[in-house]
Amino acid sequence: MLEENDITQKELANRTGIPKKTVNKIVNEKHPISQETASKLAKVFNEELEFWTDLQEIYELNKTSNQ
């Protein structure tokens, strides 16, 4: 999403108020996307909230399946 929208992690952090370290962890699939974070991401990327919550759910299902 970042490359497609020509946004850096630093810019995303600034636009959402999410710490840059957390943005980096989310990008690298090391941090979950909370409801609050999903809401902020939805606004920046002009996506529905459900897009982000669905991504988190899919990630969790895949993570569980791979264990």
Protein backbone atom coordinates (compact mmCIF):
# COMPACT_ATOMS: atom_id res chain seq x y z
CA MET A 1 0.00 0.00 0.00
CA LEU A 2 2.82 2.41 0.77
CA GLU A 3 4.56 2.07 -2.58
CA GLU A 4 1.28 2.11 -4.50
CA ASN A 5 0.38 5.40 -2.82
CA ASP A 6 3.92 6.82 -2.86
CA ILE A 7 3.95 7.20 0.94
CA THR A 8 6.95 6.49 3.15
CA GLN A 9 6.67 4.89 6.56
CA LYS A 10 7.70 8.21 8.10
CA GLU A 11 4.99 10.08 6.22
CA LEU A 12 2.40 7.48 7.20
CA ALA A 13 3.45 7.84 10.82
CA ASN A 14 3.10 11.62 10.59
CA ARG A 15 -0.29 11.46 8.86
CA THR A 16 -1.79 8.90 11.25
CA GLY A 17 -0.09 9.76 14.53
CA ILE A 18 1.06 6.13 14.77
CA PRO A 19 4.69 5.92 15.96
CA LYS A 20 7.13 5.22 13.10
CA LYS A 21 8.42 2.16 14.95
CA THR A 22 4.88 0.75 15.08
CA VAL A 23 4.30 1.53 11.40
CA ASN A 24 7.49 -0.37 10.59
CA LYS A 25 6.35 -3.35 12.66
CA ILE A 26 2.94 -3.38 10.95
CA VAL A 27 4.58 -3.25 7.51
CA ASN A 28 6.84 -6.14 8.50
CA GLU A 29 3.92 -8.14 9.95
CA LYS A 30 5.31 -7.96 13.49
CA HIS A 31 2.50 -5.86 15.02
CA PRO A 32 -1.27 -6.34 14.85
CA ILE A 33 -3.61 -3.77 13.35
CA SER A 34 -5.90 -2.64 16.14
CA GLN A 35 -9.35 -1.17 15.52
CA GLU A 36 -7.95 2.32 16.23
CA THR A 37 -5.01 1.80 13.86
CA ALA A 38 -7.34 0.39 11.20
CA SER A 39 -9.47 3.52 11.46
CA LYS A 40 -6.44 5.78 10.98
CA LEU A 41 -5.16 3.74 8.04
CA ALA A 42 -8.60 3.74 6.42
CA LYS A 43 -8.67 7.54 6.47
CA VAL A 44 -5.18 7.95 5.00
CA PHE A 45 -5.66 5.37 2.25
CA ASN A 46 -9.33 6.18 1.62
CA GLU A 47 -10.34 2.57 2.27
CA GLU A 48 -13.18 1.10 4.29
CA LEU A 49 -12.38 0.23 7.90
CA GLU A 50 -13.32 -3.38 7.13
CA PHE A 51 -10.50 -3.60 4.58
CA TRP A 52 -7.95 -3.23 7.38
CA THR A 53 -9.76 -5.35 9.95
CA ASP A 54 -10.18 -8.09 7.33
CA LEU A 55 -6.45 -7.96 6.57
CA GLN A 56 -5.70 -8.44 10.26
CA GLU A 57 -8.12 -11.36 10.47
CA ILE A 58 -6.59 -13.03 7.42
CA TYR A 59 -3.11 -12.53 8.87
CA GLU A 60 -4.15 -14.13 12.16
CA LEU A 61 -5.77 -17.09 10.38
CA ASN A 62 -2.67 -17.66 8.24
CA LYS A 63 -0.40 -17.37 11.26
CA THR A 64 -2.46 -19.96 13.15
CA SER A 65 -2.52 -22.30 10.13
CA ASN A 66 1.26 -22.16 9.79
CA GLN A 67 1.95 -23.12 13.40
